[in-house]
């Protein structure tokens, strides 16, 4: 399949559409977000040096990636509804040090649908972690992306092999669960 590289505005619109479809179908919805305590104790040293803006740096929405700051919140179109679990993670992958795996297993969930940002970091790391834990994954290719269109295209092409995850468009997912 040939992908058109989505913009971040487009991605958030597609994530919101996927969330709405999943809610209508009664699926369990879980959100993750990367962030750190104010003292940055869990933040890897490399991330403080290489990432820009770096964790803890001040910006228009408070300190970047600091739990409790407005910049750590999930954006409004994709925000959790009451009763939807939110897992704060101290790194890229959704499973490390979060309790996510235990939560999923307690609900009997074996299949995951992933979307969000960024594909070259958190989404890809979470796909690999889920795959290693024997979860079947579906990635919504038009509801994810990177800051670079060429990187997004290359990663989607790599993932289309189906070894780590199946890749589909949001509209196909939504119609398939309706």
Protein backbone atom coordinates (compact mmCIF):
# COMPACT_ATOMS: atom_id res chain seq x y z
CA UNK A 1 0.00 0.00 0.00
CA UNK A 2 1.24 3.48 -0.74
CA UNK A 3 0.91 5.97 2.13
CA UNK A 4 0.43 9.69 2.05
CA UNK A 5 2.46 11.19 4.87
CA UNK A 6 0.03 12.72 7.34
CA UNK A 7 0.56 16.05 9.04
CA UNK A 8 0.29 16.27 12.82
CA UNK A 9 -3.10 17.98 12.54
CA UNK A 10 -4.26 15.18 10.27
CA UNK A 11 -2.83 12.58 12.66
CA UNK A 12 -4.72 13.98 15.65
CA UNK A 13 -7.92 14.05 13.58
CA UNK A 14 -7.40 10.40 12.65
CA UNK A 15 -6.60 9.43 16.25
CA UNK A 16 -9.81 11.14 17.38
CA UNK A 17 -11.76 9.23 14.69
CA UNK A 18 -10.23 5.93 15.81
CA UNK A 19 -11.06 6.70 19.43
CA UNK A 20 -14.66 7.55 18.54
CA UNK A 21 -15.06 4.30 16.59
CA UNK A 22 -13.54 2.24 19.39
CA UNK A 23 -15.79 3.90 21.96
CA UNK A 24 -18.88 3.20 19.83
CA UNK A 25 -17.82 -0.44 19.56
CA UNK A 26 -17.29 -0.69 23.33
CA UNK A 27 -13.58 -1.47 23.11
CA UNK A 28 -11.30 -0.83 26.07
CA UNK A 29 -9.31 2.35 25.47
CA UNK A 30 -5.95 2.95 27.10
CA UNK A 31 -3.80 6.05 26.72
CA UNK A 32 -0.08 6.44 27.32
CA UNK A 33 2.09 9.50 27.62
CA UNK A 34 5.76 9.93 28.30
CA UNK A 35 6.71 12.18 31.15
CA UNK A 36 8.81 12.61 34.23
CA UNK A 37 8.64 13.81 37.81
CA UNK A 38 9.88 17.36 38.41
CA UNK A 39 13.32 16.15 39.51
CA UNK A 40 13.78 14.19 36.24
CA UNK A 41 15.10 11.22 38.22
CA UNK A 42 13.69 8.70 35.72
CA UNK A 43 14.74 10.65 32.64
CA UNK A 44 17.65 9.05 30.79
CA UNK A 45 20.74 11.24 30.66
CA UNK A 46 20.96 10.94 26.88
CA UNK A 47 17.46 12.37 26.50
CA UNK A 48 18.37 15.47 28.49
CA UNK A 49 21.36 16.05 26.21
CA UNK A 50 20.02 15.10 22.74
CA UNK A 51 16.30 15.89 22.83
CA UNK A 52 15.22 19.43 21.91
CA UNK A 53 13.31 20.76 23.60
CA UNK A 54 14.77 18.73 26.41
CA UNK A 55 12.72 17.28 29.24
CA UNK A 56 12.20 19.89 31.92
CA UNK A 57 12.87 22.89 29.64
CA UNK A 58 10.31 25.69 29.89
CA UNK A 59 7.95 26.35 27.02
CA UNK A 60 4.60 28.03 26.38
CA UNK A 61 2.74 25.18 28.13
CA UNK A 62 5.05 24.75 31.12
CA UNK A 63 8.02 22.47 31.56
CA UNK A 64 8.32 20.00 28.69
CA UNK A 65 7.46 16.38 29.57
CA UNK A 66 6.92 17.09 33.27
CA UNK A 67 3.96 15.30 34.81
CA UNK A 68 1.30 17.73 35.97
CA UNK A 69 2.34 20.54 33.59
CA UNK A 70 -0.18 21.52 30.90
CA UNK A 71 2.30 20.46 28.21
CA UNK A 72 2.13 16.90 29.50
CA UNK A 73 -1.61 16.64 28.88
CA UNK A 74 -3.01 14.60 26.00
CA UNK A 75 -4.38 17.04 23.41
CA UNK A 76 -8.10 17.79 23.60
CA UNK A 77 -9.35 15.93 20.50
CA UNK A 78 -7.69 12.76 21.77
CA UNK A 79 -8.09 13.25 25.52
CA UNK A 80 -9.23 10.37 27.71
CA UNK A 81 -12.84 10.17 28.80
CA UNK A 82 -13.73 9.28 32.38
CA UNK A 83 -12.97 5.62 32.97
CA UNK A 84 -10.28 5.35 30.29
CA UNK A 85 -6.96 4.34 31.79
CA UNK A 86 -3.90 6.58 31.34
CA UNK A 87 -0.44 5.09 31.78
CA UNK A 88 2.40 7.50 32.40
CA UNK A 89 5.61 6.04 31.07
CA UNK A 90 9.20 6.96 31.92
CA UNK A 91 10.48 6.33 28.41
CA UNK A 92 9.53 5.52 24.86
CA UNK A 93 7.91 2.11 25.25
CA UNK A 94 4.47 1.75 26.80
CA UNK A 95 5.25 -1.42 28.73
CA UNK A 96 8.41 -0.63 30.71
CA UNK A 97 7.68 0.38 34.32
CA UNK A 98 4.00 1.19 33.69
CA UNK A 99 1.82 -1.76 34.72
CA UNK A 100 0.28 -1.76 31.24
CA UNK A 101 0.95 -5.43 30.53
CA UNK A 102 -0.66 -6.53 33.79
CA UNK A 103 -3.66 -4.29 33.12
CA UNK A 104 -4.15 -5.68 29.62
CA UNK A 105 -3.84 -9.28 30.80
CA UNK A 106 -6.30 -8.67 33.65
CA UNK A 107 -8.83 -7.55 31.03
CA UNK A 108 -8.08 -10.53 28.78
CA UNK A 109 -6.87 -8.26 25.99
CA UNK A 110 -4.59 -9.95 23.41
CA UNK A 111 -5.03 -7.57 20.46
CA UNK A 112 -3.95 -3.94 20.42
CA UNK A 113 -4.64 -1.05 18.07
CA UNK A 114 -1.92 1.60 18.20
CA UNK A 115 -1.83 5.14 16.92
CA UNK A 116 -0.38 8.47 17.99
CA UNK A 117 3.01 10.14 17.94
CA UNK A 118 5.73 9.69 17.26
CA UNK A 119 6.11 6.66 15.04
CA UNK A 120 9.92 6.67 15.14
CA UNK A 121 10.01 6.73 18.92
CA UNK A 122 7.15 5.88 21.26
CA UNK A 123 4.85 4.11 18.80
CA UNK A 124 7.57 1.90 17.34
CA UNK A 125 9.05 1.10 20.76
CA UNK A 126 5.58 0.16 22.03
CA UNK A 127 4.95 -2.05 18.98
CA UNK A 128 8.19 -3.94 19.59
CA UNK A 129 7.45 -4.30 23.30
CA UNK A 130 3.90 -5.54 22.60
CA UNK A 131 5.16 -7.99 20.00
CA UNK A 132 7.75 -9.35 22.45
CA UNK A 133 4.91 -9.94 24.93
CA UNK A 134 2.83 -11.86 22.36
CA UNK A 135 0.19 -9.19 21.72
CA UNK A 136 -1.21 -8.97 18.20
CA UNK A 137 -0.93 -5.39 16.98
CA UNK A 138 -2.66 -3.24 14.42
CA UNK A 139 -1.08 0.13 13.64
CA UNK A 140 -3.28 2.82 12.14
CA UNK A 141 -0.83 4.15 9.57
CA UNK A 142 -2.68 7.38 8.86
CA UNK A 143 -2.99 8.14 12.59
CA UNK A 144 0.72 8.19 13.34
CA UNK A 145 3.84 9.79 11.98
CA UNK A 146 7.20 11.40 12.60
CA UNK A 147 8.53 14.92 12.17
CA UNK A 148 9.99 13.89 8.82
CA UNK A 149 7.75 12.62 5.99
CA UNK A 150 10.49 10.42 4.49
CA UNK A 151 11.04 8.71 7.84
CA UNK A 152 7.30 8.14 8.27
CA UNK A 153 7.07 6.58 4.82
CA UNK A 154 10.07 4.32 5.40
CA UNK A 155 8.77 3.09 8.77
CA UNK A 156 5.28 2.39 7.42
CA UNK A 157 6.81 0.47 4.51
CA UNK A 158 8.95 -1.54 6.94
CA UNK A 159 5.96 -2.34 9.15
CA UNK A 160 3.79 -3.39 6.22
CA UNK A 161 5.70 -6.70 6.17
CA UNK A 162 3.37 -7.70 9.01
CA UNK A 163 6.11 -9.22 11.16
CA UNK A 164 5.67 -6.75 14.02
CA UNK A 165 2.18 -5.46 13.29
CA UNK A 166 -0.52 -5.23 10.69
CA UNK A 167 -0.97 -1.75 9.22
CA UNK A 168 -4.33 -0.30 8.20
CA UNK A 169 -6.07 3.00 7.61
CA UNK A 170 -8.36 4.46 10.26
CA UNK A 171 -11.43 4.24 8.01
CA UNK A 172 -10.88 0.50 7.48
CA UNK A 173 -10.48 -0.02 11.22
CA UNK A 174 -13.62 1.98 12.00
CA UNK A 175 -15.75 0.16 9.44
CA UNK A 176 -14.37 -3.21 10.54
CA UNK A 177 -15.51 -2.75 14.14
CA UNK A 178 -18.82 -1.03 13.42
